[in-house]
Amino acid sequence: MVWWLQFIIIWLSIDLIIIATGWYIATLKAYFPNWWEQVIACEVEPDLDLEAEPVDVPGFGLGSKAAK
C-alpha cells in the first residue's frame, strides 16, 4: 500500500520538473536567450592563456579497449 504512495510522490515530482521546464521555455527564455554564454563571457578575460598539459589517463584514449 505504501509503494503506490511513493510512486505517486515520485511521479508528481517529475511532473513538477517538466512543468517548470516548460514554463521557463514558454515565458522566460525569450528574455534570457543565452544567459549562460553571457555569464561565461563576463567572467573570462579575453586572451586568457591557461597553462594546460596532457595527462595520461589509464584506460582512456585511442589505445584503450573502449576505443577499439
PDB file of N, CA and C in Angstrom:
ATOM      1  N   MET A   1       0.815  -1.193   0.000  1.00  0.00           N
ATOM      2  CA  MET A   1       0.000   0.000   0.000  1.00  0.00           C
ATOM      3  C   MET A   1       0.864   1.264   0.000  1.00  0.00           C
ATOM      4  N   VAL A   2       2.023   1.187   0.613  1.00  0.00           N
ATOM      5  CA  VAL A   2       2.893   2.358   0.671  1.00  0.00           C
ATOM      6  C   VAL A   2       3.601   2.579  -0.655  1.00  0.00           C
ATOM      7  N   TRP A   3       3.835   1.522  -1.413  1.00  0.00           N
ATOM      8  CA  TRP A   3       4.589   1.651  -2.660  1.00  0.00           C
ATOM      9  C   TRP A   3       3.869   2.544  -3.661  1.00  0.00           C
ATOM     10  N   TRP A   4       2.542   2.472  -3.727  1.00  0.00           N
ATOM     11  CA  TRP A   4       1.837   3.310  -4.700  1.00  0.00           C
ATOM     12  C   TRP A   4       1.848   4.773  -4.272  1.00  0.00           C
ATOM     13  N   LEU A   5       1.897   5.021  -2.961  1.00  0.00           N
ATOM     14  CA  LEU A   5       2.012   6.395  -2.486  1.00  0.00           C
ATOM     15  C   LEU A   5       3.383   6.977  -2.845  1.00  0.00           C
ATOM     16  N   GLN A   6       4.426   6.167  -2.694  1.00  0.00           N
ATOM     17  CA  GLN A   6       5.764   6.600  -3.102  1.00  0.00           C
ATOM     18  C   GLN A   6       5.812   6.835  -4.608  1.00  0.00           C
ATOM     19  N   PHE A   7       5.157   5.954  -5.361  1.00  0.00           N
ATOM     20  CA  PHE A   7       5.110   6.098  -6.814  1.00  0.00           C
ATOM     21  C   PHE A   7       4.431   7.411  -7.200  1.00  0.00           C
ATOM     22  N   ILE A   8       3.326   7.742  -6.550  1.00  0.00           N
ATOM     23  CA  ILE A   8       2.608   8.982  -6.855  1.00  0.00           C
ATOM     24  C   ILE A   8       3.468  10.199  -6.515  1.00  0.00           C
ATOM     25  N   ILE A   9       4.170  10.161  -5.389  1.00  0.00           N
ATOM     26  CA  ILE A   9       5.027  11.287  -5.000  1.00  0.00           C
ATOM     27  C   ILE A   9       6.163  11.473  -6.000  1.00  0.00           C
ATOM     28  N   ILE A  10       6.789  10.374  -6.419  1.00  0.00           N
ATOM     29  CA  ILE A  10       7.863  10.460  -7.421  1.00  0.00           C
ATOM     30  C   ILE A  10       7.307  10.982  -8.739  1.00  0.00           C
ATOM     31  N   TRP A  11       6.148  10.478  -9.151  1.00  0.00           N
ATOM     32  CA  TRP A  11       5.516  10.906 -10.397  1.00  0.00           C
ATOM     33  C   TRP A  11       5.215  12.404 -10.365  1.00  0.00           C
ATOM     34  N   LEU A  12       4.687  12.894  -9.249  1.00  0.00           N
ATOM     35  CA  LEU A  12       4.381  14.318  -9.139  1.00  0.00           C
ATOM     36  C   LEU A  12       5.650  15.165  -9.130  1.00  0.00           C
ATOM     37  N   SER A  13       6.719  14.649  -8.556  1.00  0.00           N
ATOM     38  CA  SER A  13       7.992  15.375  -8.566  1.00  0.00           C
ATOM     39  C   SER A  13       8.504  15.533  -9.987  1.00  0.00           C
ATOM     40  N   ILE A  14       8.442  14.454 -10.747  1.00  0.00           N
ATOM     41  CA  ILE A  14       8.888  14.505 -12.144  1.00  0.00           C
ATOM     42  C   ILE A  14       7.998  15.451 -12.939  1.00  0.00           C
ATOM     43  N   ASP A  15       6.690  15.382 -12.711  1.00  0.00           N
ATOM     44  CA  ASP A  15       5.775  16.293 -13.393  1.00  0.00           C
ATOM     45  C   ASP A  15       6.082  17.751 -13.073  1.00  0.00           C
ATOM     46  N   LEU A  16       6.405  18.022 -11.828  1.00  0.00           N
ATOM     47  CA  LEU A  16       6.725  19.392 -11.427  1.00  0.00           C
ATOM     48  C   LEU A  16       7.952  19.907 -12.166  1.00  0.00           C
ATOM     49  N   ILE A  17       8.958  19.060 -12.332  1.00  0.00           N
ATOM     50  CA  ILE A  17      10.160  19.449 -13.077  1.00  0.00           C
ATOM     51  C   ILE A  17       9.815  19.716 -14.536  1.00  0.00           C
ATOM     52  N   ILE A  18       8.995  18.853 -15.124  1.00  0.00           N
ATOM     53  CA  ILE A  18       8.604  19.026 -16.531  1.00  0.00           C
ATOM     54  C   ILE A  18       7.780  20.302 -16.709  1.00  0.00           C
ATOM     55  N   ILE A  19       6.864  20.549 -15.797  1.00  0.00           N
ATOM     56  CA  ILE A  19       6.035  21.757 -15.885  1.00  0.00           C
ATOM     57  C   ILE A  19       6.892  23.014 -15.728  1.00  0.00           C
ATOM     58  N   ALA A  20       7.827  22.999 -14.777  1.00  0.00           N
ATOM     59  CA  ALA A  20       8.697  24.162 -14.571  1.00  0.00           C
ATOM     60  C   ALA A  20       9.577  24.408 -15.788  1.00  0.00           C
ATOM     61  N   THR A  21      10.082  23.340 -16.398  1.00  0.00           N
ATOM     62  CA  THR A  21      10.906  23.488 -17.597  1.00  0.00           C
ATOM     63  C   THR A  21      10.086  24.067 -18.746  1.00  0.00           C
ATOM     64  N   GLY A  22       8.885  23.558 -18.926  1.00  0.00           N
ATOM     65  CA  GLY A  22       8.009  24.077 -19.977  1.00  0.00           C
ATOM     66  C   GLY A  22       7.648  25.530 -19.756  1.00  0.00           C
ATOM     67  N   TRP A  23       7.404  25.889 -18.508  1.00  0.00           N
ATOM     68  CA  TRP A  23       7.086  27.281 -18.182  1.00  0.00           C
ATOM     69  C   TRP A  23       8.271  28.185 -18.483  1.00  0.00           C
ATOM     70  N   TYR A  24       9.476  27.727 -18.154  1.00  0.00           N
ATOM     71  CA  TYR A  24      10.680  28.513 -18.451  1.00  0.00           C
ATOM     72  C   TYR A  24      10.825  28.710 -19.955  1.00  0.00           C
ATOM     73  N   ILE A  25      10.668  27.628 -20.717  1.00  0.00           N
ATOM     74  CA  ILE A  25      10.826  27.717 -22.171  1.00  0.00           C
ATOM     75  C   ILE A  25       9.770  28.646 -22.766  1.00  0.00           C
ATOM     76  N   ALA A  26       8.543  28.566 -22.256  1.00  0.00           N
ATOM     77  CA  ALA A  26       7.450  29.354 -22.824  1.00  0.00           C
ATOM     78  C   ALA A  26       7.508  30.829 -22.435  1.00  0.00           C
ATOM     79  N   THR A  27       8.057  31.144 -21.261  1.00  0.00           N
ATOM     80  CA  THR A  27       7.977  32.534 -20.793  1.00  0.00           C
ATOM     81  C   THR A  27       9.332  33.219 -20.661  1.00  0.00           C
ATOM     82  N   LEU A  28      10.216  32.675 -19.862  1.00  0.00           N
ATOM     83  CA  LEU A  28      11.440  33.395 -19.517  1.00  0.00           C
ATOM     84  C   LEU A  28      12.551  33.274 -20.547  1.00  0.00           C
ATOM     85  N   LYS A  29      12.566  32.216 -21.330  1.00  0.00           N
ATOM     86  CA  LYS A  29      13.676  32.010 -22.258  1.00  0.00           C
ATOM     87  C   LYS A  29      13.795  33.146 -23.270  1.00  0.00           C
ATOM     88  N   ALA A  30      12.689  33.739 -23.644  1.00  0.00           N
ATOM     89  CA  ALA A  30      12.732  34.845 -24.606  1.00  0.00           C
ATOM     90  C   ALA A  30      13.476  36.051 -24.037  1.00  0.00           C
ATOM     91  N   TYR A  31      13.428  36.214 -22.726  1.00  0.00           N
ATOM     92  CA  TYR A  31      14.093  37.350 -22.095  1.00  0.00           C
ATOM     93  C   TYR A  31      15.557  37.072 -21.771  1.00  0.00           C
ATOM     94  N   PHE A  32      15.912  35.797 -21.628  1.00  0.00           N
ATOM     95  CA  PHE A  32      17.288  35.408 -21.320  1.00  0.00           C
ATOM     96  C   PHE A  32      17.756  34.370 -22.337  1.00  0.00           C
ATOM     97  N   PRO A  33      18.001  34.773 -23.591  1.00  0.00           N
ATOM     98  CA  PRO A  33      18.274  33.788 -24.638  1.00  0.00           C
ATOM     99  C   PRO A  33      19.562  32.993 -24.434  1.00  0.00           C
ATOM    100  N   ASN A  34      20.642  33.635 -24.087  1.00  0.00           N
ATOM    101  CA  ASN A  34      21.919  32.932 -23.917  1.00  0.00           C
ATOM    102  C   ASN A  34      22.584  33.382 -22.631  1.00  0.00           C
ATOM    103  N   TRP A  35      21.880  33.286 -21.529  1.00  0.00           N
ATOM    104  CA  TRP A  35      22.409  33.826 -20.277  1.00  0.00           C
ATOM    105  C   TRP A  35      23.668  33.108 -19.837  1.00  0.00           C
ATOM    106  N   TRP A  36      23.773  31.797 -20.117  1.00  0.00           N
ATOM    107  CA  TRP A  36      24.966  31.077 -19.674  1.00  0.00           C
ATOM    108  C   TRP A  36      26.192  31.523 -20.461  1.00  0.00           C
ATOM    109  N   GLU A  37      26.031  31.827 -21.742  1.00  0.00           N
ATOM    110  CA  GLU A  37      27.152  32.319 -22.535  1.00  0.00           C
ATOM    111  C   GLU A  37      27.547  33.723 -22.078  1.00  0.00           C
ATOM    112  N   GLN A  38      26.579  34.532 -21.713  1.00  0.00           N
ATOM    113  CA  GLN A  38      26.887  35.874 -21.240  1.00  0.00           C
ATOM    114  C   GLN A  38      27.615  35.828 -19.905  1.00  0.00           C
ATOM    115  N   VAL A  39      27.226  34.913 -19.029  1.00  0.00           N
ATOM    116  CA  VAL A  39      27.900  34.778 -17.737  1.00  0.00           C
ATOM    117  C   VAL A  39      29.337  34.345 -17.945  1.00  0.00           C
ATOM    118  N   ILE A  40      29.553  33.379 -18.829  1.00  0.00           N
ATOM    119  CA  ILE A  40      30.912  32.909 -19.101  1.00  0.00           C
ATOM    120  C   ILE A  40      31.736  34.032 -19.731  1.00  0.00           C
ATOM    121  N   ALA A  41      31.148  34.772 -20.659  1.00  0.00           N
ATOM    122  CA  ALA A  41      31.869  35.852 -21.329  1.00  0.00           C
ATOM    123  C   ALA A  41      32.242  36.961 -20.353  1.00  0.00           C
ATOM    124  N   CYS A  42      31.416  37.200 -19.357  1.00  0.00           N
ATOM    125  CA  CYS A  42      31.722  38.248 -18.378  1.00  0.00           C
ATOM    126  C   CYS A  42      32.822  37.820 -17.417  1.00  0.00           C
ATOM    127  N   GLU A  43      32.921  36.525 -17.144  1.00  0.00           N
ATOM    128  CA  GLU A  43      33.866  36.058 -16.138  1.00  0.00           C
ATOM    129  C   GLU A  43      35.246  35.732 -16.701  1.00  0.00           C
ATOM    130  N   VAL A  44      35.353  35.469 -17.991  1.00  0.00           N
ATOM    131  CA  VAL A  44      36.629  35.072 -18.587  1.00  0.00           C
ATOM    132  C   VAL A  44      37.236  36.268 -19.303  1.00  0.00           C
ATOM    133  N   GLU A  45      38.474  36.546 -18.975  1.00  0.00           N
ATOM    134  CA  GLU A  45      39.158  37.663 -19.614  1.00  0.00           C
ATOM    135  C   GLU A  45      39.558  37.280 -21.041  1.00  0.00           C
ATOM    136  N   PRO A  46      39.501  38.229 -21.970  1.00  0.00           N
ATOM    137  CA  PRO A  46      39.974  37.922 -23.318  1.00  0.00           C
ATOM    138  C   PRO A  46      41.475  37.670 -23.309  1.00  0.00           C
ATOM    139  N   ASP A  47      41.927  36.842 -24.205  1.00  0.00           N
ATOM    140  CA  ASP A  47      43.340  36.462 -24.328  1.00  0.00           C
ATOM    141  C   ASP A  47      43.876  35.818 -23.049  1.00  0.00           C
ATOM    142  N   LEU A  48      43.021  35.107 -22.364  1.00  0.00           N
ATOM    143  CA  LEU A  48      43.448  34.405 -21.159  1.00  0.00           C
ATOM    144  C   LEU A  48      44.167  33.131 -21.575  1.00  0.00           C
ATOM    145  N   ASP A  49      45.419  32.997 -21.174  1.00  0.00           N
ATOM    146  CA  ASP A  49      46.215  31.832 -21.548  1.00  0.00           C
ATOM    147  C   ASP A  49      46.242  30.857 -20.374  1.00  0.00           C
ATOM    148  N   LEU A  50      45.543  29.761 -20.531  1.00  0.00           N
ATOM    149  CA  LEU A  50      45.517  28.745 -19.485  1.00  0.00           C
ATOM    150  C   LEU A  50      46.640  27.753 -19.727  1.00  0.00           C
ATOM    151  N   GLU A  51      47.423  27.526 -18.710  1.00  0.00           N
ATOM    152  CA  GLU A  51      48.504  26.558 -18.830  1.00  0.00           C
ATOM    153  C   GLU A  51      47.928  25.157 -18.635  1.00  0.00           C
ATOM    154  N   ALA A  52      47.996  24.368 -19.683  1.00  0.00           N
ATOM    155  CA  ALA A  52      47.474  23.006 -19.614  1.00  0.00           C
ATOM    156  C   ALA A  52      48.455  22.072 -20.292  1.00  0.00           C
ATOM    157  N   GLU A  53      48.565  20.904 -19.756  1.00  0.00           N
ATOM    158  CA  GLU A  53      49.432  19.904 -20.364  1.00  0.00           C
ATOM    159  C   GLU A  53      48.684  18.579 -20.400  1.00  0.00           C
ATOM    160  N   PRO A  54      48.969  17.753 -21.386  1.00  0.00           N
ATOM    161  CA  PRO A  54      48.253  16.480 -21.495  1.00  0.00           C
ATOM    162  C   PRO A  54      48.565  15.558 -20.316  1.00  0.00           C
ATOM    163  N   VAL A  55      47.571  14.799 -19.923  1.00  0.00           N
ATOM    164  CA  VAL A  55      47.706  13.868 -18.808  1.00  0.00           C
ATOM    165  C   VAL A  55      47.374  12.476 -19.318  1.00  0.00           C
ATOM    166  N   ASP A  56      48.187  11.510 -18.945  1.00  0.00           N
ATOM    167  CA  ASP A  56      47.940  10.133 -19.352  1.00  0.00           C
ATOM    168  C   ASP A  56      46.964   9.493 -18.364  1.00  0.00           C
ATOM    169  N   VAL A  57      45.782   9.166 -18.862  1.00  0.00           N
ATOM    170  CA  VAL A  57      44.765   8.532 -18.028  1.00  0.00           C
ATOM    171  C   VAL A  57      44.682   7.067 -18.423  1.00  0.00           C
ATOM    172  N   PRO A  58      44.932   6.149 -17.505  1.00  0.00           N
ATOM    173  CA  PRO A  58      44.883   4.726 -17.849  1.00  0.00           C
ATOM    174  C   PRO A  58      43.476   4.301 -18.268  1.00  0.00           C
ATOM    175  N   GLY A  59      43.396   3.510 -19.334  1.00  0.00           N
ATOM    176  CA  GLY A  59      42.107   3.006 -19.802  1.00  0.00           C
ATOM    177  C   GLY A  59      41.298   4.013 -20.586  1.00  0.00           C
ATOM    178  N   PHE A  60      41.919   5.113 -21.003  1.00  0.00           N
ATOM    179  CA  PHE A  60      41.193   6.134 -21.741  1.00  0.00           C
ATOM    180  C   PHE A  60      42.058   6.611 -22.893  1.00  0.00           C
ATOM    181  N   GLY A  61      41.487   6.704 -24.065  1.00  0.00           N
ATOM    182  CA  GLY A  61      42.241   7.185 -25.214  1.00  0.00           C
ATOM    183  C   GLY A  61      42.180   6.200 -26.365  1.00  0.00           C
ATOM    184  N   LEU A  62      43.016   6.432 -27.367  1.00  0.00           N
ATOM    185  CA  LEU A  62      42.975   5.610 -28.571  1.00  0.00           C
ATOM    186  C   LEU A  62      43.439   4.186 -28.325  1.00  0.00           C
ATOM    187  N   GLY A  63      44.291   3.975 -27.352  1.00  0.00           N
ATOM    188  CA  GLY A  63      44.790   2.635 -27.091  1.00  0.00           C
ATOM    189  C   GLY A  63      43.932   1.826 -26.139  1.00  0.00           C
ATOM    190  N   SER A  64      42.845   2.394 -25.637  1.00  0.00           N
ATOM    191  CA  SER A  64      42.026   1.686 -24.656  1.00  0.00           C
ATOM    192  C   SER A  64      41.084   0.703 -25.330  1.00  0.00           C
ATOM    193  N   LYS A  65      40.572  -0.211 -24.550  1.00  0.00           N
ATOM    194  CA  LYS A  65      39.630  -1.205 -25.074  1.00  0.00           C
ATOM    195  C   LYS A  65      38.316  -0.551 -25.491  1.00  0.00           C
ATOM    196  N   ALA A  66      37.925   0.523 -24.818  1.00  0.00           N
ATOM    197  CA  ALA A  66      36.667   1.193 -25.145  1.00  0.00           C
ATOM    198  C   ALA A  66      36.725   1.851 -26.515  1.00  0.00           C
ATOM    199  N   ALA A  67      37.894   2.299 -26.935  1.00  0.00           N
ATOM    200  CA  ALA A  67      38.030   2.979 -28.224  1.00  0.00           C
ATOM    201  C   ALA A  67      38.080   2.000 -29.388  1.00  0.00           C
ATOM    202  N   LYS A  68      38.366   0.741 -29.110  1.00  0.00           N
ATOM    203  CA  LYS A  68      38.503  -0.244 -30.199  1.00  0.00           C
ATOM    204  C   LYS A  68      37.204  -0.846 -30.613  1.00  0.00           C
TER     205      LYS A  68
END
